[in-house]
């Protein structure tokens, strides 16, 4: 695989340490990825204010009710960011029509 960009940055938000380890292991197999793992809500919001990412993997179950605001922050730093989110089914209505978000149900 040839990448035009040297390093792709990925933000991972998951509170479960086991799942963090699994995802970290899977992503670290590839050389061109910089992974930032965030395990608490406050750190996630601070990171979203100041950093741009190429992709975000988010567990929406652990977030507060202001998911739309967080996703808008992530997209404001990089309008082409890919956001992969997994959640409980009731979150689907909360994030309709906010851009390029892929939901895993």
C-alpha atoms as a PDB file:
ATOM      1  CA  UNK A   1       0.000   0.000   0.000  1.00  0.00           C
ATOM      2  CA  UNK A   2       1.380   3.408  -0.967  1.00  0.00           C
ATOM      3  CA  UNK A   3       0.362   6.366   1.139  1.00  0.00           C
ATOM      4  CA  UNK A   4       0.718   9.942  -0.081  1.00  0.00           C
ATOM      5  CA  UNK A   5       0.925  11.120   3.491  1.00  0.00           C
ATOM      6  CA  UNK A   6       3.772   9.857   5.658  1.00  0.00           C
ATOM      7  CA  UNK A   7       1.848   9.433   8.889  1.00  0.00           C
ATOM      8  CA  UNK A   8      -1.886   9.241   9.377  1.00  0.00           C
ATOM      9  CA  UNK A   9      -3.020  10.380  12.793  1.00  0.00           C
ATOM     10  CA  UNK A  10      -5.748   8.452  14.587  1.00  0.00           C
ATOM     11  CA  UNK A  11      -7.573   9.388  17.776  1.00  0.00           C
ATOM     12  CA  UNK A  12      -9.017   6.501  19.795  1.00  0.00           C
ATOM     13  CA  UNK A  13     -11.476   7.150  22.609  1.00  0.00           C
ATOM     14  CA  UNK A  14     -12.371   4.024  24.556  1.00  0.00           C
ATOM     15  CA  UNK A  15     -12.516   3.587  28.319  1.00  0.00           C
ATOM     16  CA  UNK A  16     -12.112  -0.185  28.243  1.00  0.00           C
ATOM     17  CA  UNK A  17      -8.396  -0.944  28.584  1.00  0.00           C
ATOM     18  CA  UNK A  18      -8.704  -4.368  26.953  1.00  0.00           C
ATOM     19  CA  UNK A  19     -10.339  -2.961  23.835  1.00  0.00           C
ATOM     20  CA  UNK A  20      -7.743  -0.156  23.767  1.00  0.00           C
ATOM     21  CA  UNK A  21      -4.983  -2.765  23.805  1.00  0.00           C
ATOM     22  CA  UNK A  22      -6.567  -4.772  21.002  1.00  0.00           C
ATOM     23  CA  UNK A  23      -7.110  -1.740  18.765  1.00  0.00           C
ATOM     24  CA  UNK A  24      -3.631  -0.410  19.533  1.00  0.00           C
ATOM     25  CA  UNK A  25      -2.114  -3.771  18.585  1.00  0.00           C
ATOM     26  CA  UNK A  26      -4.103  -3.943  15.334  1.00  0.00           C
ATOM     27  CA  UNK A  27      -3.262  -0.389  14.274  1.00  0.00           C
ATOM     28  CA  UNK A  28       0.405  -0.600  15.314  1.00  0.00           C
ATOM     29  CA  UNK A  29       0.996  -3.356  12.752  1.00  0.00           C
ATOM     30  CA  UNK A  30       1.039  -0.628  10.116  1.00  0.00           C
ATOM     31  CA  UNK A  31       3.976   1.776  10.010  1.00  0.00           C
ATOM     32  CA  UNK A  32       2.253   4.919   8.761  1.00  0.00           C
ATOM     33  CA  UNK A  33      -0.115   5.446  11.679  1.00  0.00           C
ATOM     34  CA  UNK A  34       0.275   7.609  14.765  1.00  0.00           C
ATOM     35  CA  UNK A  35      -2.274   6.558  17.366  1.00  0.00           C
ATOM     36  CA  UNK A  36      -3.330   8.721  20.303  1.00  0.00           C
ATOM     37  CA  UNK A  37      -5.370   6.864  22.908  1.00  0.00           C
ATOM     38  CA  UNK A  38      -7.565   8.950  25.188  1.00  0.00           C
ATOM     39  CA  UNK A  39      -9.400   7.306  28.070  1.00  0.00           C
ATOM     40  CA  UNK A  40     -11.170  10.177  29.793  1.00  0.00           C
ATOM     41  CA  UNK A  41     -13.809  12.624  28.650  1.00  0.00           C
ATOM     42  CA  UNK A  42     -12.036  15.845  29.662  1.00  0.00           C
ATOM     43  CA  UNK A  43      -8.835  14.861  27.855  1.00  0.00           C
ATOM     44  CA  UNK A  44     -10.856  14.001  24.751  1.00  0.00           C
ATOM     45  CA  UNK A  45     -12.437  17.462  24.620  1.00  0.00           C
ATOM     46  CA  UNK A  46      -9.102  19.222  25.216  1.00  0.00           C
ATOM     47  CA  UNK A  47      -7.450  17.141  22.504  1.00  0.00           C
ATOM     48  CA  UNK A  48     -10.293  17.908  20.067  1.00  0.00           C
ATOM     49  CA  UNK A  49      -9.737  21.651  20.593  1.00  0.00           C
ATOM     50  CA  UNK A  50      -6.064  21.667  19.663  1.00  0.00           C
ATOM     51  CA  UNK A  51      -5.236  18.706  17.417  1.00  0.00           C
ATOM     52  CA  UNK A  52      -6.247  17.585  13.979  1.00  0.00           C
ATOM     53  CA  UNK A  53      -6.704  13.903  13.112  1.00  0.00           C
ATOM     54  CA  UNK A  54      -7.180  11.957   9.910  1.00  0.00           C
ATOM     55  CA  UNK A  55      -9.461   9.471  11.642  1.00  0.00           C
ATOM     56  CA  UNK A  56     -11.225   9.122  14.989  1.00  0.00           C
ATOM     57  CA  UNK A  57     -12.540   5.956  16.597  1.00  0.00           C
ATOM     58  CA  UNK A  58     -15.017   6.867  19.334  1.00  0.00           C
ATOM     59  CA  UNK A  59     -17.099   4.912  21.798  1.00  0.00           C
ATOM     60  CA  UNK A  60     -20.122   7.191  22.085  1.00  0.00           C
ATOM     61  CA  UNK A  61     -21.529   5.203  25.015  1.00  0.00           C
ATOM     62  CA  UNK A  62     -18.968   6.802  27.302  1.00  0.00           C
ATOM     63  CA  UNK A  63     -19.598  10.371  26.167  1.00  0.00           C
ATOM     64  CA  UNK A  64     -21.954  12.973  27.563  1.00  0.00           C
ATOM     65  CA  UNK A  65     -25.055  14.228  25.805  1.00  0.00           C
ATOM     66  CA  UNK A  66     -23.072  16.772  23.781  1.00  0.00           C
ATOM     67  CA  UNK A  67     -21.799  14.377  21.114  1.00  0.00           C
ATOM     68  CA  UNK A  68     -22.686  16.684  18.242  1.00  0.00           C
ATOM     69  CA  UNK A  69     -20.502  19.469  19.706  1.00  0.00           C
ATOM     70  CA  UNK A  70     -17.530  17.099  20.046  1.00  0.00           C
ATOM     71  CA  UNK A  71     -17.854  15.853  16.469  1.00  0.00           C
ATOM     72  CA  UNK A  72     -18.144  19.423  15.196  1.00  0.00           C
ATOM     73  CA  UNK A  73     -14.904  20.279  17.066  1.00  0.00           C
ATOM     74  CA  UNK A  74     -13.109  17.334  15.467  1.00  0.00           C
ATOM     75  CA  UNK A  75     -14.386  18.316  12.026  1.00  0.00           C
ATOM     76  CA  UNK A  76     -13.432  21.974  12.503  1.00  0.00           C
ATOM     77  CA  UNK A  77      -9.755  20.989  12.734  1.00  0.00           C
ATOM     78  CA  UNK A  78      -9.954  18.719   9.665  1.00  0.00           C
ATOM     79  CA  UNK A  79     -13.093  18.803   7.532  1.00  0.00           C
ATOM     80  CA  UNK A  80     -12.083  15.515   5.874  1.00  0.00           C
ATOM     81  CA  UNK A  81     -11.664  13.555   9.111  1.00  0.00           C
ATOM     82  CA  UNK A  82     -13.206  10.080   9.090  1.00  0.00           C
ATOM     83  CA  UNK A  83     -15.082   9.382  12.285  1.00  0.00           C
ATOM     84  CA  UNK A  84     -15.859   5.787  13.162  1.00  0.00           C
ATOM     85  CA  UNK A  85     -18.241   5.583  16.090  1.00  0.00           C
ATOM     86  CA  UNK A  86     -19.934   2.784  17.936  1.00  0.00           C
ATOM     87  CA  UNK A  87     -22.772   3.279  20.346  1.00  0.00           C
ATOM     88  CA  UNK A  88     -26.069   2.249  21.777  1.00  0.00           C
ATOM     89  CA  UNK A  89     -28.877   2.544  19.183  1.00  0.00           C
ATOM     90  CA  UNK A  90     -30.480   5.635  20.734  1.00  0.00           C
ATOM     91  CA  UNK A  91     -27.493   7.828  19.818  1.00  0.00           C
ATOM     92  CA  UNK A  92     -28.276   7.549  16.107  1.00  0.00           C
ATOM     93  CA  UNK A  93     -30.841  10.356  16.183  1.00  0.00           C
ATOM     94  CA  UNK A  94     -28.455  12.650  18.037  1.00  0.00           C
ATOM     95  CA  UNK A  95     -25.795  12.684  15.314  1.00  0.00           C
ATOM     96  CA  UNK A  96     -27.859  12.670  12.105  1.00  0.00           C
ATOM     97  CA  UNK A  97     -26.829  15.225   9.477  1.00  0.00           C
ATOM     98  CA  UNK A  98     -23.492  16.262  10.952  1.00  0.00           C
ATOM     99  CA  UNK A  99     -21.178  15.064   8.216  1.00  0.00           C
ATOM    100  CA  UNK A 100     -18.904  12.150   7.562  1.00  0.00           C
ATOM    101  CA  UNK A 101     -19.562   9.829  10.499  1.00  0.00           C
ATOM    102  CA  UNK A 102     -19.625   6.060  10.136  1.00  0.00           C
ATOM    103  CA  UNK A 103     -21.732   4.298  12.757  1.00  0.00           C
ATOM    104  CA  UNK A 104     -21.126   0.708  13.754  1.00  0.00           C
ATOM    105  CA  UNK A 105     -24.304  -0.829  15.089  1.00  0.00           C
END
